[in-house]
Amino acid sequence: MAEGKGSPAAGTAGREFVITRTFDAPRHLVFRAFADPGHMMHWWGPQGFTVVASRMDLRPGGVYHYGMKGPEGGLMWGKFVYREIVAPERLVFVNSFSDEAGDITRHPLSPTWPLELLSTITFDERADATLLTIRWSPLPSATDEERRTFAAAHGGMQQGWTGTLDQLARYLATAMDSPRS
């Protein structure tokens, strides 16, 4: 029941990356999928990765710290530092790669990737569905080289986010029947 409608679409506004997706699920459930570490463990990350750690302090200034195991067994860590939470409408946070202790690190495969990205996720009601919009942009502190790396990676980001949102659609379809939803 919670499959995504249509194809994900991505575009850019300047150097901002934007992707949208409509889910056949109520807004409160789609929001909870992003606002509950137990839910995040089931769908977050690139296809083929498994979330192995998921700790969340959902409040402005709070942190979501997660670890993922890749298909070849390598670990990757990341974190969000929340700036704004308007349930069930919007989440704004700074997204970065990190180490296991939560300290910011460089992207493990791209040394010129921005250290921090501003992420804004909106959840808009559409009858019995939810329009999800994700906006990503480097923080003003990013170097010119980091901004160029980010802008050049929009195609890969579209592919990666499409896979992640496909996982979310599958998870929402099963979460709809769960007492936890």
N, C-alpha and C. Protein backbone atom coordinates (compact mmCIF):
# COMPACT_ATOMS: atom_id res chain seq x y z
N MET A 1 0.81 -1.19 0.00
CA MET A 1 0.00 0.00 0.00
C MET A 1 0.86 1.26 0.00
N ALA A 2 2.06 1.22 0.53
CA ALA A 2 2.85 2.44 0.68
C ALA A 2 3.89 2.60 -0.42
N GLU A 3 3.68 2.00 -1.56
CA GLU A 3 4.66 2.15 -2.63
C GLU A 3 4.68 3.58 -3.13
N GLY A 4 5.84 3.97 -3.62
CA GLY A 4 5.98 5.31 -4.17
C GLY A 4 5.22 5.44 -5.48
N LYS A 5 4.59 6.59 -5.70
CA LYS A 5 3.89 6.86 -6.94
C LYS A 5 4.83 7.56 -7.90
N GLY A 6 4.80 7.17 -9.13
CA GLY A 6 5.59 7.86 -10.14
C GLY A 6 7.07 7.61 -9.95
N SER A 7 7.84 8.32 -10.71
CA SER A 7 9.29 8.19 -10.64
C SER A 7 9.85 9.32 -9.82
N PRO A 8 10.91 9.06 -9.05
CA PRO A 8 11.55 10.16 -8.36
C PRO A 8 12.07 11.16 -9.39
N ALA A 9 12.00 12.41 -9.05
CA ALA A 9 12.52 13.44 -9.95
C ALA A 9 13.57 14.23 -9.21
N ALA A 10 14.61 14.60 -9.88
CA ALA A 10 15.65 15.40 -9.26
C ALA A 10 15.93 16.59 -10.14
N GLY A 11 16.36 17.65 -9.51
CA GLY A 11 16.72 18.84 -10.25
C GLY A 11 17.65 19.67 -9.41
N THR A 12 18.08 20.75 -9.94
CA THR A 12 18.96 21.62 -9.19
C THR A 12 18.45 23.04 -9.25
N ALA A 13 18.64 23.75 -8.19
CA ALA A 13 18.41 25.18 -8.15
C ALA A 13 19.76 25.76 -7.77
N GLY A 14 20.50 26.19 -8.75
CA GLY A 14 21.87 26.60 -8.48
C GLY A 14 22.68 25.37 -8.15
N ARG A 15 23.22 25.33 -6.98
CA ARG A 15 24.01 24.16 -6.57
C ARG A 15 23.25 23.24 -5.64
N GLU A 16 22.02 23.56 -5.39
CA GLU A 16 21.19 22.73 -4.51
C GLU A 16 20.75 21.48 -5.26
N PHE A 17 20.73 20.35 -4.54
CA PHE A 17 20.21 19.10 -5.07
C PHE A 17 18.82 18.91 -4.49
N VAL A 18 17.85 18.58 -5.34
CA VAL A 18 16.47 18.38 -4.90
C VAL A 18 15.96 17.08 -5.49
N ILE A 19 15.31 16.27 -4.65
CA ILE A 19 14.64 15.07 -5.15
C ILE A 19 13.29 14.97 -4.44
N THR A 20 12.28 14.56 -5.18
CA THR A 20 10.94 14.41 -4.62
C THR A 20 10.43 13.00 -4.88
N ARG A 21 9.49 12.59 -4.04
CA ARG A 21 8.88 11.26 -4.21
C ARG A 21 7.54 11.28 -3.49
N THR A 22 6.54 10.72 -4.11
CA THR A 22 5.23 10.59 -3.48
C THR A 22 5.07 9.16 -2.97
N PHE A 23 4.65 9.05 -1.71
CA PHE A 23 4.45 7.74 -1.08
C PHE A 23 2.97 7.56 -0.77
N ASP A 24 2.47 6.36 -1.01
CA ASP A 24 1.09 6.01 -0.65
C ASP A 24 1.04 5.66 0.82
N ALA A 25 1.28 6.66 1.65
CA ALA A 25 1.30 6.47 3.10
C ALA A 25 0.96 7.82 3.74
N PRO A 26 0.34 7.79 4.90
CA PRO A 26 0.02 9.05 5.56
C PRO A 26 1.28 9.80 6.01
N ARG A 27 1.17 11.12 6.03
CA ARG A 27 2.32 11.96 6.36
C ARG A 27 2.93 11.61 7.71
N HIS A 28 2.11 11.34 8.73
CA HIS A 28 2.68 11.05 10.05
C HIS A 28 3.57 9.81 10.01
N LEU A 29 3.22 8.83 9.18
CA LEU A 29 4.03 7.62 9.10
C LEU A 29 5.34 7.87 8.35
N VAL A 30 5.27 8.62 7.27
CA VAL A 30 6.49 8.93 6.52
C VAL A 30 7.43 9.76 7.41
N PHE A 31 6.87 10.72 8.14
CA PHE A 31 7.69 11.51 9.06
C PHE A 31 8.35 10.62 10.11
N ARG A 32 7.56 9.72 10.71
CA ARG A 32 8.12 8.81 11.73
C ARG A 32 9.22 7.93 11.19
N ALA A 33 9.15 7.58 9.91
CA ALA A 33 10.21 6.77 9.32
C ALA A 33 11.55 7.50 9.40
N PHE A 34 11.52 8.84 9.39
CA PHE A 34 12.73 9.66 9.51
C PHE A 34 13.01 10.07 10.95
N ALA A 35 12.04 9.96 11.84
CA ALA A 35 12.15 10.52 13.18
C ALA A 35 12.25 9.46 14.28
N ASP A 36 12.41 8.22 13.90
CA ASP A 36 12.49 7.13 14.87
C ASP A 36 13.68 6.24 14.48
N PRO A 37 14.67 6.11 15.36
CA PRO A 37 15.85 5.33 14.99
C PRO A 37 15.54 3.87 14.69
N GLY A 38 14.51 3.33 15.31
CA GLY A 38 14.11 1.95 15.01
C GLY A 38 13.60 1.81 13.59
N HIS A 39 12.84 2.79 13.13
CA HIS A 39 12.38 2.77 11.74
C HIS A 39 13.56 2.96 10.78
N MET A 40 14.45 3.92 11.10
CA MET A 40 15.58 4.22 10.21
C MET A 40 16.44 2.98 9.94
N MET A 41 16.57 2.12 10.93
CA MET A 41 17.40 0.92 10.77
C MET A 41 16.93 0.03 9.63
N HIS A 42 15.65 0.13 9.29
CA HIS A 42 15.08 -0.79 8.30
C HIS A 42 15.18 -0.32 6.86
N TRP A 43 15.50 0.96 6.64
CA TRP A 43 15.48 1.42 5.25
C TRP A 43 16.58 2.42 4.90
N TRP A 44 17.23 3.04 5.87
CA TRP A 44 18.16 4.13 5.61
C TRP A 44 19.43 3.64 4.90
N GLY A 45 19.92 4.44 3.99
CA GLY A 45 21.22 4.20 3.37
C GLY A 45 21.14 3.65 1.97
N PRO A 46 22.29 3.56 1.34
CA PRO A 46 22.35 3.03 -0.03
C PRO A 46 21.90 1.57 -0.09
N GLN A 47 21.38 1.17 -1.23
CA GLN A 47 21.00 -0.23 -1.41
C GLN A 47 22.21 -1.11 -1.19
N GLY A 48 22.01 -2.22 -0.50
CA GLY A 48 23.09 -3.16 -0.22
C GLY A 48 23.76 -2.91 1.12
N PHE A 49 23.46 -1.78 1.76
CA PHE A 49 24.03 -1.47 3.07
C PHE A 49 23.04 -1.84 4.16
N THR A 50 23.56 -2.19 5.32
CA THR A 50 22.74 -2.54 6.48
C THR A 50 23.09 -1.59 7.62
N VAL A 51 22.08 -0.98 8.22
CA VAL A 51 22.31 -0.11 9.37
C VAL A 51 22.63 -0.99 10.57
N VAL A 52 23.79 -0.75 11.20
CA VAL A 52 24.23 -1.55 12.35
C VAL A 52 24.20 -0.76 13.65
N ALA A 53 24.04 0.56 13.56
CA ALA A 53 23.91 1.41 14.75
C ALA A 53 22.98 2.55 14.39
N SER A 54 22.06 2.89 15.29
CA SER A 54 21.07 3.92 15.01
C SER A 54 20.66 4.56 16.33
N ARG A 55 21.28 5.70 16.65
CA ARG A 55 20.97 6.42 17.89
C ARG A 55 20.52 7.82 17.55
N MET A 56 19.39 8.24 18.16
CA MET A 56 18.79 9.52 17.79
C MET A 56 18.36 10.30 19.02
N ASP A 57 18.69 11.59 19.00
CA ASP A 57 18.20 12.57 19.97
C ASP A 57 17.48 13.62 19.15
N LEU A 58 16.19 13.42 18.92
CA LEU A 58 15.41 14.24 17.99
C LEU A 58 14.94 15.52 18.67
N ARG A 59 15.79 16.53 18.59
CA ARG A 59 15.50 17.87 19.11
C ARG A 59 16.49 18.82 18.46
N PRO A 60 16.16 20.11 18.37
CA PRO A 60 17.14 21.04 17.83
C PRO A 60 18.44 20.95 18.64
N GLY A 61 19.56 20.78 17.96
CA GLY A 61 20.85 20.57 18.60
C GLY A 61 21.15 19.11 18.88
N GLY A 62 20.14 18.24 18.77
CA GLY A 62 20.32 16.81 18.97
C GLY A 62 20.96 16.17 17.75
N VAL A 63 21.37 14.91 17.91
CA VAL A 63 22.14 14.21 16.88
C VAL A 63 21.50 12.85 16.57
N TYR A 64 21.49 12.51 15.30
CA TYR A 64 21.26 11.14 14.86
C TYR A 64 22.61 10.62 14.40
N HIS A 65 23.10 9.57 15.03
CA HIS A 65 24.39 8.98 14.69
C HIS A 65 24.13 7.54 14.27
N TYR A 66 24.64 7.18 13.10
CA TYR A 66 24.37 5.85 12.57
C TYR A 66 25.63 5.25 11.97
N GLY A 67 25.63 3.94 11.93
CA GLY A 67 26.69 3.18 11.27
C GLY A 67 26.05 2.23 10.28
N MET A 68 26.73 2.05 9.13
CA MET A 68 26.24 1.14 8.10
C MET A 68 27.35 0.20 7.67
N LYS A 69 26.96 -1.02 7.41
CA LYS A 69 27.90 -2.02 6.89
C LYS A 69 27.62 -2.18 5.40
N GLY A 70 28.68 -2.05 4.60
CA GLY A 70 28.55 -2.17 3.15
C GLY A 70 28.53 -3.61 2.69
N PRO A 71 28.23 -3.83 1.44
CA PRO A 71 28.15 -5.19 0.90
C PRO A 71 29.44 -5.99 1.06
N GLU A 72 30.59 -5.30 1.05
CA GLU A 72 31.88 -5.99 1.23
C GLU A 72 32.29 -6.05 2.69
N GLY A 73 31.44 -5.57 3.60
CA GLY A 73 31.71 -5.67 5.02
C GLY A 73 32.31 -4.44 5.67
N GLY A 74 32.67 -3.42 4.89
CA GLY A 74 33.24 -2.21 5.47
C GLY A 74 32.20 -1.38 6.20
N LEU A 75 32.63 -0.68 7.25
CA LEU A 75 31.73 0.17 8.03
C LEU A 75 31.86 1.62 7.59
N MET A 76 30.74 2.33 7.59
CA MET A 76 30.69 3.75 7.28
C MET A 76 29.78 4.39 8.33
N TRP A 77 30.21 5.56 8.82
CA TRP A 77 29.46 6.26 9.87
C TRP A 77 29.00 7.62 9.36
N GLY A 78 27.90 8.10 9.90
CA GLY A 78 27.40 9.41 9.55
C GLY A 78 26.58 9.98 10.69
N LYS A 79 26.29 11.27 10.57
CA LYS A 79 25.46 11.89 11.60
C LYS A 79 24.71 13.08 11.05
N PHE A 80 23.60 13.36 11.70
CA PHE A 80 22.79 14.55 11.46
C PHE A 80 22.85 15.36 12.75
N VAL A 81 22.94 16.67 12.65
CA VAL A 81 22.76 17.56 13.79
C VAL A 81 21.52 18.39 13.46
N TYR A 82 20.46 18.16 14.24
CA TYR A 82 19.17 18.77 13.93
C TYR A 82 19.17 20.26 14.24
N ARG A 83 18.61 21.02 13.30
CA ARG A 83 18.43 22.46 13.47
C ARG A 83 16.98 22.82 13.72
N GLU A 84 16.07 22.13 13.03
CA GLU A 84 14.65 22.45 13.13
C GLU A 84 13.84 21.17 12.98
N ILE A 85 12.83 21.02 13.83
CA ILE A 85 11.92 19.88 13.76
C ILE A 85 10.50 20.42 13.89
N VAL A 86 9.71 20.25 12.85
CA VAL A 86 8.31 20.65 12.87
C VAL A 86 7.51 19.40 12.47
N ALA A 87 7.14 18.62 13.47
CA ALA A 87 6.44 17.35 13.21
C ALA A 87 5.01 17.65 12.78
N PRO A 88 4.49 16.98 11.80
CA PRO A 88 5.12 16.04 10.86
C PRO A 88 5.45 16.71 9.52
N GLU A 89 5.84 17.99 9.56
CA GLU A 89 5.99 18.76 8.33
C GLU A 89 7.40 18.88 7.79
N ARG A 90 8.39 19.02 8.69
CA ARG A 90 9.73 19.34 8.20
C ARG A 90 10.81 18.94 9.19
N LEU A 91 11.95 18.53 8.62
CA LEU A 91 13.18 18.30 9.37
C LEU A 91 14.28 19.08 8.67
N VAL A 92 15.08 19.81 9.44
CA VAL A 92 16.24 20.52 8.91
C VAL A 92 17.43 20.10 9.77
N PHE A 93 18.50 19.66 9.10
CA PHE A 93 19.67 19.21 9.85
C PHE A 93 20.92 19.36 8.99
N VAL A 94 22.07 19.32 9.66
CA VAL A 94 23.36 19.31 8.98
C VAL A 94 23.81 17.85 8.94
N ASN A 95 24.12 17.38 7.75
CA ASN A 95 24.47 15.99 7.50
C ASN A 95 25.96 15.90 7.22
N SER A 96 26.63 14.92 7.83
CA SER A 96 28.07 14.74 7.59
C SER A 96 28.45 13.28 7.78
N PHE A 97 29.59 12.92 7.21
CA PHE A 97 30.19 11.63 7.53
C PHE A 97 30.86 11.80 8.89
N SER A 98 31.01 10.69 9.60
CA SER A 98 31.64 10.76 10.92
C SER A 98 32.41 9.48 11.17
N ASP A 99 33.07 9.45 12.31
CA ASP A 99 33.68 8.21 12.77
C ASP A 99 32.75 7.58 13.80
N GLU A 100 33.16 6.47 14.35
CA GLU A 100 32.31 5.75 15.30
C GLU A 100 32.01 6.58 16.54
N ALA A 101 32.90 7.51 16.90
CA ALA A 101 32.69 8.38 18.06
C ALA A 101 31.78 9.57 17.74
N GLY A 102 31.46 9.79 16.46
CA GLY A 102 30.59 10.89 16.08
C GLY A 102 31.33 12.15 15.65
N ASP A 103 32.65 12.07 15.55
CA ASP A 103 33.42 13.22 15.08
C ASP A 103 33.33 13.29 13.55
N ILE A 104 33.19 14.50 13.00
CA ILE A 104 33.07 14.70 11.56
C ILE A 104 34.34 14.21 10.85
N THR A 105 34.13 13.49 9.76
CA THR A 105 35.23 13.00 8.93
C THR A 105 34.94 13.30 7.47
N ARG A 106 35.92 13.11 6.65
CA ARG A 106 35.77 13.24 5.20
C ARG A 106 35.00 12.04 4.65
N HIS A 107 34.38 12.24 3.52
CA HIS A 107 33.73 11.15 2.78
C HIS A 107 34.79 10.07 2.55
N PRO A 108 34.48 8.82 2.83
CA PRO A 108 35.51 7.77 2.70
C PRO A 108 35.99 7.53 1.27
N LEU A 109 35.22 7.96 0.27
CA LEU A 109 35.61 7.72 -1.12
C LEU A 109 35.84 9.01 -1.90
N SER A 110 35.61 10.16 -1.28
CA SER A 110 35.74 11.43 -2.00
C SER A 110 36.32 12.50 -1.07
N PRO A 111 37.62 12.69 -1.11
CA PRO A 111 38.25 13.65 -0.18
C PRO A 111 37.85 15.11 -0.40
N THR A 112 37.22 15.42 -1.54
CA THR A 112 36.79 16.80 -1.77
C THR A 112 35.28 16.99 -1.62
N TRP A 113 34.61 15.96 -1.07
CA TRP A 113 33.18 16.09 -0.78
C TRP A 113 33.02 17.09 0.38
N PRO A 114 31.96 17.94 0.36
CA PRO A 114 31.78 18.89 1.46
C PRO A 114 31.70 18.18 2.81
N LEU A 115 32.33 18.77 3.81
CA LEU A 115 32.29 18.19 5.16
C LEU A 115 30.87 18.17 5.71
N GLU A 116 30.09 19.20 5.40
CA GLU A 116 28.74 19.29 5.95
C GLU A 116 27.77 19.76 4.88
N LEU A 117 26.59 19.16 4.88
CA LEU A 117 25.52 19.52 3.96
C LEU A 117 24.29 19.93 4.76
N LEU A 118 23.64 20.99 4.33
CA LEU A 118 22.36 21.37 4.91
C LEU A 118 21.30 20.52 4.24
N SER A 119 20.51 19.82 5.04
CA SER A 119 19.45 18.95 4.54
C SER A 119 18.11 19.47 5.05
N THR A 120 17.18 19.68 4.13
CA THR A 120 15.82 20.06 4.49
C THR A 120 14.89 19.04 3.87
N ILE A 121 14.09 18.41 4.71
CA ILE A 121 13.14 17.40 4.25
C ILE A 121 11.75 17.89 4.61
N THR A 122 10.88 17.98 3.60
CA THR A 122 9.50 18.37 3.86
C THR A 122 8.57 17.22 3.54
N PHE A 123 7.47 17.17 4.28
CA PHE A 123 6.48 16.11 4.19
C PHE A 123 5.13 16.80 3.94
N ASP A 124 4.64 16.76 2.70
CA ASP A 124 3.41 17.45 2.34
C ASP A 124 2.29 16.45 2.12
N GLU A 125 1.15 16.67 2.78
CA GLU A 125 -0.01 15.80 2.61
C GLU A 125 -0.59 15.96 1.21
N ARG A 126 -0.93 14.85 0.60
CA ARG A 126 -1.57 14.82 -0.71
C ARG A 126 -2.66 13.75 -0.65
N ALA A 127 -3.86 14.13 -0.17
CA ALA A 127 -4.96 13.19 0.04
C ALA A 127 -4.47 12.07 0.96
N ASP A 128 -4.43 10.84 0.48
CA ASP A 128 -3.95 9.71 1.30
C ASP A 128 -2.48 9.43 1.09
N ALA A 129 -1.77 10.37 0.52
CA ALA A 129 -0.35 10.17 0.19
C ALA A 129 0.48 11.28 0.81
N THR A 130 1.79 11.15 0.67
CA THR A 130 2.73 12.14 1.18
C THR A 130 3.75 12.46 0.09
N LEU A 131 3.90 13.76 -0.20
CA LEU A 131 4.95 14.21 -1.09
C LEU A 131 6.15 14.56 -0.23
N LEU A 132 7.24 13.82 -0.45
CA LEU A 132 8.49 14.03 0.27
C LEU A 132 9.43 14.82 -0.64
N THR A 133 10.01 15.88 -0.11
CA THR A 133 11.00 16.66 -0.85
C THR A 133 12.26 16.76 -0.01
N ILE A 134 13.38 16.38 -0.60
CA ILE A 134 14.68 16.44 0.06
C ILE A 134 15.52 17.47 -0.67
N ARG A 135 16.07 18.41 0.08
CA ARG A 135 16.94 19.45 -0.46
C ARG A 135 18.28 19.34 0.25
N TRP A 136 19.35 19.32 -0.55
CA TRP A 136 20.72 19.22 -0.04
C TRP A 136 21.55 20.34 -0.62
N SER A 137 22.35 20.97 0.22
CA SER A 137 23.29 21.97 -0.29
C SER A 137 24.48 22.07 0.67
N PRO A 138 25.65 22.35 0.13
CA PRO A 138 26.81 22.55 1.00
C PRO A 138 26.60 23.78 1.88
N LEU A 139 27.14 23.74 3.08
CA LEU A 139 27.09 24.90 3.96
C LEU A 139 27.96 26.02 3.37
N PRO A 140 27.72 27.26 3.78
CA PRO A 140 28.53 28.37 3.27
C PRO A 140 30.03 28.19 3.52
N SER A 141 30.41 27.41 4.52
CA SER A 141 31.82 27.18 4.82
C SER A 141 32.52 26.26 3.82
N ALA A 142 31.77 25.64 2.91
CA ALA A 142 32.37 24.73 1.92
C ALA A 142 33.33 25.50 1.01
N THR A 143 34.40 24.84 0.62
CA THR A 143 35.36 25.45 -0.30
C THR A 143 34.80 25.41 -1.72
N ASP A 144 35.39 26.17 -2.61
CA ASP A 144 34.98 26.13 -4.02
C ASP A 144 35.14 24.73 -4.59
N GLU A 145 36.22 24.05 -4.23
CA GLU A 145 36.44 22.69 -4.72
C GLU A 145 35.35 21.74 -4.20
N GLU A 146 34.97 21.87 -2.94
CA GLU A 146 33.89 21.04 -2.39
C GLU A 146 32.57 21.32 -3.11
N ARG A 147 32.29 22.58 -3.40
CA ARG A 147 31.07 22.94 -4.13
C ARG A 147 31.07 22.34 -5.55
N ARG A 148 32.21 22.37 -6.21
CA ARG A 148 32.31 21.77 -7.55
C ARG A 148 32.10 20.26 -7.47
N THR A 149 32.70 19.62 -6.47
CA THR A 149 32.51 18.17 -6.30
C THR A 149 31.04 17.85 -6.09
N PHE A 150 30.39 18.62 -5.23
CA PHE A 150 28.97 18.42 -4.96
C PHE A 150 28.14 18.60 -6.23
N ALA A 151 28.36 19.68 -6.96
CA ALA A 151 27.59 19.95 -8.17
C ALA A 151 27.80 18.86 -9.22
N ALA A 152 29.02 18.35 -9.33
CA ALA A 152 29.31 17.30 -10.31
C ALA A 152 28.70 15.96 -9.94
N ALA A 153 28.29 15.79 -8.69
CA ALA A 153 27.79 14.50 -8.21
C ALA A 153 26.27 14.39 -8.23
N HIS A 154 25.56 15.36 -8.78
CA HIS A 154 24.10 15.32 -8.74
C HIS A 154 23.52 14.06 -9.36
N GLY A 155 24.09 13.58 -10.47
CA GLY A 155 23.59 12.35 -11.09
C GLY A 155 23.72 11.15 -10.16
N GLY A 156 24.86 11.03 -9.50
CA GLY A 156 25.06 9.94 -8.54
C GLY A 156 24.15 10.08 -7.33
N MET A 157 23.93 11.31 -6.89
CA MET A 157 23.02 11.53 -5.76
C MET A 157 21.60 11.13 -6.13
N GLN A 158 21.18 11.44 -7.36
CA GLN A 158 19.85 11.04 -7.79
C GLN A 158 19.72 9.52 -7.75
N GLN A 159 20.73 8.83 -8.27
CA GLN A 159 20.69 7.36 -8.27
C GLN A 159 20.69 6.82 -6.84
N GLY A 160 21.55 7.36 -5.98
CA GLY A 160 21.62 6.88 -4.61
C GLY A 160 20.34 7.14 -3.84
N TRP A 161 19.82 8.36 -3.95
CA TRP A 161 18.58 8.67 -3.25
C TRP A 161 17.41 7.87 -3.79
N THR A 162 17.38 7.61 -5.10
CA THR A 162 16.30 6.80 -5.66
C THR A 162 16.30 5.42 -5.02
N GLY A 163 17.47 4.81 -4.89
CA GLY A 163 17.54 3.50 -4.24
C GLY A 163 17.12 3.56 -2.79
N THR A 164 17.55 4.59 -2.07
CA THR A 164 17.17 4.75 -0.66
C THR A 164 15.65 4.93 -0.54
N LEU A 165 15.08 5.75 -1.40
CA LEU A 165 13.63 6.00 -1.34
C LEU A 165 12.84 4.78 -1.79
N ASP A 166 13.40 3.96 -2.68
CA ASP A 166 12.76 2.68 -3.01
C ASP A 166 12.69 1.80 -1.77
N GLN A 167 13.77 1.77 -0.99
CA GLN A 167 13.78 0.99 0.25
C GLN A 167 12.75 1.54 1.22
N LEU A 168 12.64 2.86 1.32
CA LEU A 168 11.64 3.46 2.20
C LEU A 168 10.23 3.07 1.75
N ALA A 169 9.95 3.09 0.46
CA ALA A 169 8.62 2.69 -0.03
C ALA A 169 8.29 1.26 0.38
N ARG A 170 9.27 0.36 0.21
CA ARG A 170 9.04 -1.04 0.62
C ARG A 170 8.81 -1.14 2.12
N TYR A 171 9.60 -0.40 2.89
CA TYR A 171 9.44 -0.43 4.34
C TYR A 171 8.08 0.13 4.76
N LEU A 172 7.66 1.23 4.18
CA LEU A 172 6.38 1.81 4.53
C LEU A 172 5.23 0.85 4.23
N ALA A 173 5.36 0.08 3.16
CA ALA A 173 4.33 -0.89 2.82
C ALA A 173 4.16 -1.92 3.92
N THR A 174 5.26 -2.31 4.57
CA THR A 174 5.15 -3.28 5.67
C THR A 174 4.84 -2.58 6.98
N ALA A 175 5.30 -1.35 7.17
CA ALA A 175 5.07 -0.63 8.42
C ALA A 175 3.61 -0.25 8.59
N MET A 176 2.88 -0.13 7.50
CA MET A 176 1.46 0.23 7.56
C MET A 176 0.67 -0.78 8.38
N ASP A 177 1.10 -2.03 8.35
CA ASP A 177 0.39 -3.08 9.07
C ASP A 177 0.93 -3.31 10.47
N SER A 178 1.97 -2.59 10.84
CA SER A 178 2.64 -2.79 12.13
C SER A 178 1.93 -2.00 13.22
N PRO A 179 1.83 -2.58 14.44
CA PRO A 179 1.24 -1.81 15.54
C PRO A 179 2.05 -0.60 15.90
N ARG A 180 3.33 -0.57 15.52
CA ARG A 180 4.21 0.54 15.84
C ARG A 180 3.94 1.77 14.99
N SER A 181 3.27 1.60 13.85
CA SER A 181 3.01 2.75 12.98
C SER A 181 1.94 3.61 13.59
